[in-house]
Amino acid sequence: MSVERMAEHVDGLHWFKSSYSGSDGGNCVEVAAGPDGVYVRDSKVADDGPLLRVGRDGWAAFVALTAG
């Protein structure tokens, strides 16, 4: 699985907040699909926080494991 912590933000991504994230300010995760992988960030520090890029195959494996 390829995972990379990004040093800078990627423009043009459409972010989706996880349905498991509550509205009370708890654990909030957002994801966006990009041309070279899936990006993950903490929505509480979206503009200033780090990004994590996961390769498409790695993301598919992660989703398959968590969906069951």
PDB file of N, CA and C in Angstrom:
ATOM      1  N   MET A   1       0.855  -1.167   0.000  1.00  0.00           N
ATOM      2  CA  MET A   1       0.000   0.000   0.000  1.00  0.00           C
ATOM      3  C   MET A   1       0.898   1.226   0.000  1.00  0.00           C
ATOM      4  N   SER A   2       0.577   2.194  -0.847  1.00  0.00           N
ATOM      5  CA  SER A   2       1.342   3.430  -0.863  1.00  0.00           C
ATOM      6  C   SER A   2       0.604   4.508  -0.086  1.00  0.00           C
ATOM      7  N   VAL A   3       1.296   5.083   0.874  1.00  0.00           N
ATOM      8  CA  VAL A   3       0.748   6.164   1.690  1.00  0.00           C
ATOM      9  C   VAL A   3       1.806   7.248   1.768  1.00  0.00           C
ATOM     10  N   GLU A   4       1.406   8.485   1.598  1.00  0.00           N
ATOM     11  CA  GLU A   4       2.356   9.590   1.606  1.00  0.00           C
ATOM     12  C   GLU A   4       1.761  10.767   2.353  1.00  0.00           C
ATOM     13  N   ARG A   5       2.535  11.326   3.270  1.00  0.00           N
ATOM     14  CA  ARG A   5       2.098  12.558   3.931  1.00  0.00           C
ATOM     15  C   ARG A   5       2.508  13.713   3.041  1.00  0.00           C
ATOM     16  N   MET A   6       1.551  14.529   2.685  1.00  0.00           N
ATOM     17  CA  MET A   6       1.785  15.629   1.757  1.00  0.00           C
ATOM     18  C   MET A   6       2.260  16.866   2.509  1.00  0.00           C
ATOM     19  N   ALA A   7       3.241  17.549   1.936  1.00  0.00           N
ATOM     20  CA  ALA A   7       3.766  18.757   2.555  1.00  0.00           C
ATOM     21  C   ALA A   7       2.912  19.981   2.217  1.00  0.00           C
ATOM     22  N   GLU A   8       2.148  19.893   1.138  1.00  0.00           N
ATOM     23  CA  GLU A   8       1.320  21.031   0.763  1.00  0.00           C
ATOM     24  C   GLU A   8      -0.030  20.539   0.270  1.00  0.00           C
ATOM     25  N   HIS A   9      -0.979  21.445   0.224  1.00  0.00           N
ATOM     26  CA  HIS A   9      -2.341  21.092  -0.179  1.00  0.00           C
ATOM     27  C   HIS A   9      -2.439  20.990  -1.696  1.00  0.00           C
ATOM     28  N   VAL A  10      -3.384  20.213  -2.135  1.00  0.00           N
ATOM     29  CA  VAL A  10      -3.632  20.005  -3.556  1.00  0.00           C
ATOM     30  C   VAL A  10      -4.886  20.786  -3.924  1.00  0.00           C
ATOM     31  N   ASP A  11      -4.790  21.621  -4.943  1.00  0.00           N
ATOM     32  CA  ASP A  11      -5.930  22.443  -5.365  1.00  0.00           C
ATOM     33  C   ASP A  11      -6.919  21.628  -6.186  1.00  0.00           C
ATOM     34  N   GLY A  12      -8.173  22.039  -6.147  1.00  0.00           N
ATOM     35  CA  GLY A  12      -9.196  21.467  -6.995  1.00  0.00           C
ATOM     36  C   GLY A  12      -9.833  20.183  -6.500  1.00  0.00           C
ATOM     37  N   LEU A  13      -9.578  19.800  -5.260  1.00  0.00           N
ATOM     38  CA  LEU A  13     -10.193  18.590  -4.725  1.00  0.00           C
ATOM     39  C   LEU A  13     -11.558  18.909  -4.137  1.00  0.00           C
ATOM     40  N   HIS A  14     -12.486  17.982  -4.281  1.00  0.00           N
ATOM     41  CA  HIS A  14     -13.827  18.133  -3.702  1.00  0.00           C
ATOM     42  C   HIS A  14     -13.886  17.246  -2.458  1.00  0.00           C
ATOM     43  N   TRP A  15     -13.948  17.859  -1.280  1.00  0.00           N
ATOM     44  CA  TRP A  15     -13.858  17.141  -0.015  1.00  0.00           C
ATOM     45  C   TRP A  15     -15.232  16.687   0.476  1.00  0.00           C
ATOM     46  N   PHE A  16     -15.271  15.485   1.054  1.00  0.00           N
ATOM     47  CA  PHE A  16     -16.472  14.922   1.650  1.00  0.00           C
ATOM     48  C   PHE A  16     -16.190  14.592   3.101  1.00  0.00           C
ATOM     49  N   LYS A  17     -17.072  15.033   3.984  1.00  0.00           N
ATOM     50  CA  LYS A  17     -16.926  14.721   5.405  1.00  0.00           C
ATOM     51  C   LYS A  17     -17.471  13.323   5.673  1.00  0.00           C
ATOM     52  N   SER A  18     -16.780  12.572   6.475  1.00  0.00           N
ATOM     53  CA  SER A  18     -17.204  11.219   6.810  1.00  0.00           C
ATOM     54  C   SER A  18     -18.569  11.222   7.467  1.00  0.00           C
ATOM     55  N   SER A  19     -19.391  10.243   7.120  1.00  0.00           N
ATOM     56  CA  SER A  19     -20.704  10.131   7.756  1.00  0.00           C
ATOM     57  C   SER A  19     -20.581   9.732   9.224  1.00  0.00           C
ATOM     58  N   TYR A  20     -19.409   9.241   9.628  1.00  0.00           N
ATOM     59  CA  TYR A  20     -19.172   8.891  11.027  1.00  0.00           C
ATOM     60  C   TYR A  20     -18.736  10.093  11.859  1.00  0.00           C
ATOM     61  N   SER A  21     -18.419  11.209  11.212  1.00  0.00           N
ATOM     62  CA  SER A  21     -18.024  12.413  11.932  1.00  0.00           C
ATOM     63  C   SER A  21     -19.265  13.083  12.500  1.00  0.00           C
ATOM     64  N   GLY A  22     -19.201  13.421  13.754  1.00  0.00           N
ATOM     65  CA  GLY A  22     -20.329  14.073  14.402  1.00  0.00           C
ATOM     66  C   GLY A  22     -20.293  15.568  14.213  1.00  0.00           C
ATOM     67  N   SER A  23     -21.349  16.235  14.601  1.00  0.00           N
ATOM     68  CA  SER A  23     -21.411  17.692  14.500  1.00  0.00           C
ATOM     69  C   SER A  23     -20.979  18.371  15.795  1.00  0.00           C
ATOM     70  N   ASP A  24     -20.540  17.579  16.768  1.00  0.00           N
ATOM     71  CA  ASP A  24     -20.165  18.135  18.071  1.00  0.00           C
ATOM     72  C   ASP A  24     -18.683  18.460  18.188  1.00  0.00           C
ATOM     73  N   GLY A  25     -17.931  18.444  17.065  1.00  0.00           N
ATOM     74  CA  GLY A  25     -16.526  18.810  17.097  1.00  0.00           C
ATOM     75  C   GLY A  25     -15.599  17.685  17.493  1.00  0.00           C
ATOM     76  N   GLY A  26     -16.048  16.454  17.454  1.00  0.00           N
ATOM     77  CA  GLY A  26     -15.212  15.312  17.798  1.00  0.00           C
ATOM     78  C   GLY A  26     -14.299  14.922  16.655  1.00  0.00           C
ATOM     79  N   ASN A  27     -14.135  13.634  16.455  1.00  0.00           N
ATOM     80  CA  ASN A  27     -13.275  13.133  15.385  1.00  0.00           C
ATOM     81  C   ASN A  27     -13.923  13.415  14.037  1.00  0.00           C
ATOM     82  N   CYS A  28     -13.287  14.225  13.223  1.00  0.00           N
ATOM     83  CA  CYS A  28     -13.841  14.610  11.929  1.00  0.00           C
ATOM     84  C   CYS A  28     -12.820  14.350  10.829  1.00  0.00           C
ATOM     85  N   VAL A  29     -13.189  13.492   9.890  1.00  0.00           N
ATOM     86  CA  VAL A  29     -12.313  13.135   8.790  1.00  0.00           C
ATOM     87  C   VAL A  29     -12.985  13.506   7.487  1.00  0.00           C
ATOM     88  N   GLU A  30     -12.197  14.072   6.573  1.00  0.00           N
ATOM     89  CA  GLU A  30     -12.681  14.370   5.231  1.00  0.00           C
ATOM     90  C   GLU A  30     -11.819  13.629   4.226  1.00  0.00           C
ATOM     91  N   VAL A  31     -12.420  13.222   3.124  1.00  0.00           N
ATOM     92  CA  VAL A  31     -11.686  12.544   2.056  1.00  0.00           C
ATOM     93  C   VAL A  31     -12.005  13.203   0.725  1.00  0.00           C
ATOM     94  N   ALA A  32     -11.067  13.102  -0.212  1.00  0.00           N
ATOM     95  CA  ALA A  32     -11.258  13.606  -1.571  1.00  0.00           C
ATOM     96  C   ALA A  32     -10.529  12.676  -2.534  1.00  0.00           C
ATOM     97  N   ALA A  33     -11.171  12.369  -3.643  1.00  0.00           N
ATOM     98  CA  ALA A  33     -10.541  11.542  -4.672  1.00  0.00           C
ATOM     99  C   ALA A  33      -9.788  12.454  -5.627  1.00  0.00           C
ATOM    100  N   GLY A  34      -8.526  12.139  -5.852  1.00  0.00           N
ATOM    101  CA  GLY A  34      -7.708  12.886  -6.784  1.00  0.00           C
ATOM    102  C   GLY A  34      -7.255  11.984  -7.910  1.00  0.00           C
ATOM    103  N   PRO A  35      -6.586  12.529  -8.893  1.00  0.00           N
ATOM    104  CA  PRO A  35      -6.157  11.728 -10.032  1.00  0.00           C
ATOM    105  C   PRO A  35      -5.109  10.673  -9.679  1.00  0.00           C
ATOM    106  N   ASP A  36      -4.379  10.896  -8.600  1.00  0.00           N
ATOM    107  CA  ASP A  36      -3.302   9.968  -8.238  1.00  0.00           C
ATOM    108  C   ASP A  36      -3.526   9.262  -6.908  1.00  0.00           C
ATOM    109  N   GLY A  37      -4.728   9.362  -6.352  1.00  0.00           N
ATOM    110  CA  GLY A  37      -5.015   8.679  -5.098  1.00  0.00           C
ATOM    111  C   GLY A  37      -6.151   9.327  -4.351  1.00  0.00           C
ATOM    112  N   VAL A  38      -6.337   8.888  -3.119  1.00  0.00           N
ATOM    113  CA  VAL A  38      -7.380   9.425  -2.247  1.00  0.00           C
ATOM    114  C   VAL A  38      -6.688  10.199  -1.133  1.00  0.00           C
ATOM    115  N   TYR A  39      -7.187  11.396  -0.859  1.00  0.00           N
ATOM    116  CA  TYR A  39      -6.596  12.273   0.142  1.00  0.00           C
ATOM    117  C   TYR A  39      -7.460  12.266   1.394  1.00  0.00           C
ATOM    118  N   VAL A  40      -6.807  12.320   2.541  1.00  0.00           N
ATOM    119  CA  VAL A  40      -7.492  12.305   3.833  1.00  0.00           C
ATOM    120  C   VAL A  40      -6.959  13.470   4.661  1.00  0.00           C
ATOM    121  N   ARG A  41      -7.856  14.157   5.372  1.00  0.00           N
ATOM    122  CA  ARG A  41      -7.436  15.250   6.252  1.00  0.00           C
ATOM    123  C   ARG A  41      -8.371  15.336   7.444  1.00  0.00           C
ATOM    124  N   ASP A  42      -7.924  16.030   8.465  1.00  0.00           N
ATOM    125  CA  ASP A  42      -8.716  16.311   9.656  1.00  0.00           C
ATOM    126  C   ASP A  42      -9.504  17.591   9.379  1.00  0.00           C
ATOM    127  N   SER A  43     -10.820  17.516   9.392  1.00  0.00           N
ATOM    128  CA  SER A  43     -11.633  18.679   9.039  1.00  0.00           C
ATOM    129  C   SER A  43     -11.514  19.824  10.038  1.00  0.00           C
ATOM    130  N   LYS A  44     -11.054  19.534  11.242  1.00  0.00           N
ATOM    131  CA  LYS A  44     -10.921  20.603  12.246  1.00  0.00           C
ATOM    132  C   LYS A  44      -9.745  21.523  11.930  1.00  0.00           C
ATOM    133  N   VAL A  45      -8.775  21.038  11.161  1.00  0.00           N
ATOM    134  CA  VAL A  45      -7.616  21.844  10.763  1.00  0.00           C
ATOM    135  C   VAL A  45      -7.393  21.695   9.254  1.00  0.00           C
ATOM    136  N   ALA A  46      -8.476  21.761   8.514  1.00  0.00           N
ATOM    137  CA  ALA A  46      -8.444  21.476   7.078  1.00  0.00           C
ATOM    138  C   ALA A  46      -7.477  22.374   6.307  1.00  0.00           C
ATOM    139  N   ASP A  47      -7.446  23.657   6.607  1.00  0.00           N
ATOM    140  CA  ASP A  47      -6.600  24.574   5.846  1.00  0.00           C
ATOM    141  C   ASP A  47      -5.140  24.524   6.254  1.00  0.00           C
ATOM    142  N   ASP A  48      -4.867  24.216   7.510  1.00  0.00           N
ATOM    143  CA  ASP A  48      -3.495  24.266   8.007  1.00  0.00           C
ATOM    144  C   ASP A  48      -2.921  22.901   8.367  1.00  0.00           C
ATOM    145  N   GLY A  49      -3.749  21.878   8.398  1.00  0.00           N
ATOM    146  CA  GLY A  49      -3.304  20.558   8.821  1.00  0.00           C
ATOM    147  C   GLY A  49      -2.676  19.755   7.695  1.00  0.00           C
ATOM    148  N   PRO A  50      -2.113  18.634   8.042  1.00  0.00           N
ATOM    149  CA  PRO A  50      -1.470  17.788   7.039  1.00  0.00           C
ATOM    150  C   PRO A  50      -2.486  17.019   6.195  1.00  0.00           C
ATOM    151  N   LEU A  51      -2.038  16.597   5.039  1.00  0.00           N
ATOM    152  CA  LEU A  51      -2.809  15.728   4.149  1.00  0.00           C
ATOM    153  C   LEU A  51      -2.116  14.380   4.078  1.00  0.00           C
ATOM    154  N   LEU A  52      -2.886  13.360   3.918  1.00  0.00           N
ATOM    155  CA  LEU A  52      -2.364  12.019   3.724  1.00  0.00           C
ATOM    156  C   LEU A  52      -2.888  11.533   2.382  1.00  0.00           C
ATOM    157  N   ARG A  53      -1.975  11.090   1.499  1.00  0.00           N
ATOM    158  CA  ARG A  53      -2.395  10.556   0.208  1.00  0.00           C
ATOM    159  C   ARG A  53      -2.230   9.046   0.239  1.00  0.00           C
ATOM    160  N   VAL A  54      -3.305   8.341  -0.080  1.00  0.00           N
ATOM    161  CA  VAL A  54      -3.301   6.887  -0.127  1.00  0.00           C
ATOM    162  C   VAL A  54      -3.521   6.478  -1.575  1.00  0.00           C
ATOM    163  N   GLY A  55      -2.725   5.550  -2.076  1.00  0.00           N
ATOM    164  CA  GLY A  55      -2.903   5.064  -3.439  1.00  0.00           C
ATOM    165  C   GLY A  55      -4.280   4.442  -3.611  1.00  0.00           C
ATOM    166  N   ARG A  56      -4.776   4.439  -4.830  1.00  0.00           N
ATOM    167  CA  ARG A  56      -6.129   3.930  -5.090  1.00  0.00           C
ATOM    168  C   ARG A  56      -6.284   2.465  -4.691  1.00  0.00           C
ATOM    169  N   ASP A  57      -5.303   1.633  -4.967  1.00  0.00           N
ATOM    170  CA  ASP A  57      -5.382   0.222  -4.585  1.00  0.00           C
ATOM    171  C   ASP A  57      -5.400   0.065  -3.064  1.00  0.00           C
ATOM    172  N   GLY A  58      -4.588   0.845  -2.381  1.00  0.00           N
ATOM    173  CA  GLY A  58      -4.568   0.802  -0.921  1.00  0.00           C
ATOM    174  C   GLY A  58      -5.883   1.259  -0.322  1.00  0.00           C
ATOM    175  N   TRP A  59      -6.474   2.302  -0.904  1.00  0.00           N
ATOM    176  CA  TRP A  59      -7.758   2.798  -0.418  1.00  0.00           C
ATOM    177  C   TRP A  59      -8.846   1.748  -0.630  1.00  0.00           C
ATOM    178  N   ALA A  60      -8.848   1.109  -1.796  1.00  0.00           N
ATOM    179  CA  ALA A  60      -9.843   0.068  -2.080  1.00  0.00           C
ATOM    180  C   ALA A  60      -9.726  -1.082  -1.081  1.00  0.00           C
ATOM    181  N   ALA A  61      -8.493  -1.458  -0.745  1.00  0.00           N
ATOM    182  CA  ALA A  61      -8.291  -2.529   0.236  1.00  0.00           C
ATOM    183  C   ALA A  61      -8.776  -2.103   1.614  1.00  0.00           C
ATOM    184  N   PHE A  62      -8.504  -0.851   2.000  1.00  0.00           N
ATOM    185  CA  PHE A  62      -8.962  -0.324   3.283  1.00  0.00           C
ATOM    186  C   PHE A  62     -10.481  -0.341   3.375  1.00  0.00           C
ATOM    187  N   VAL A  63     -11.148   0.155   2.333  1.00  0.00           N
ATOM    188  CA  VAL A  63     -12.610   0.209   2.329  1.00  0.00           C
ATOM    189  C   VAL A  63     -13.194  -1.196   2.382  1.00  0.00           C
ATOM    190  N   ALA A  64     -12.595  -2.125   1.659  1.00  0.00           N
ATOM    191  CA  ALA A  64     -13.089  -3.510   1.662  1.00  0.00           C
ATOM    192  C   ALA A  64     -12.981  -4.121   3.052  1.00  0.00           C
ATOM    193  N   LEU A  65     -11.908  -3.818   3.779  1.00  0.00           N
ATOM    194  CA  LEU A  65     -11.731  -4.355   5.131  1.00  0.00           C
ATOM    195  C   LEU A  65     -12.683  -3.742   6.132  1.00  0.00           C
ATOM    196  N   THR A  66     -12.972  -2.458   5.973  1.00  0.00           N
ATOM    197  CA  THR A  66     -13.825  -1.771   6.949  1.00  0.00           C
ATOM    198  C   THR A  66     -15.306  -1.916   6.635  1.00  0.00           C
ATOM    199  N   ALA A  67     -15.645  -2.299   5.421  1.00  0.00           N
ATOM    200  CA  ALA A  67     -17.054  -2.419   5.039  1.00  0.00           C
ATOM    201  C   ALA A  67     -17.690  -3.702   5.551  1.00  0.00           C
ATOM    202  N   GLY A  68     -16.886  -4.680   5.865  1.00  0.00           N
ATOM    203  CA  GLY A  68     -17.440  -5.981   6.261  1.00  0.00           C
ATOM    204  C   GLY A  68     -17.605  -6.091   7.698  1.00  0.00           C
TER     205      GLY A  68
END
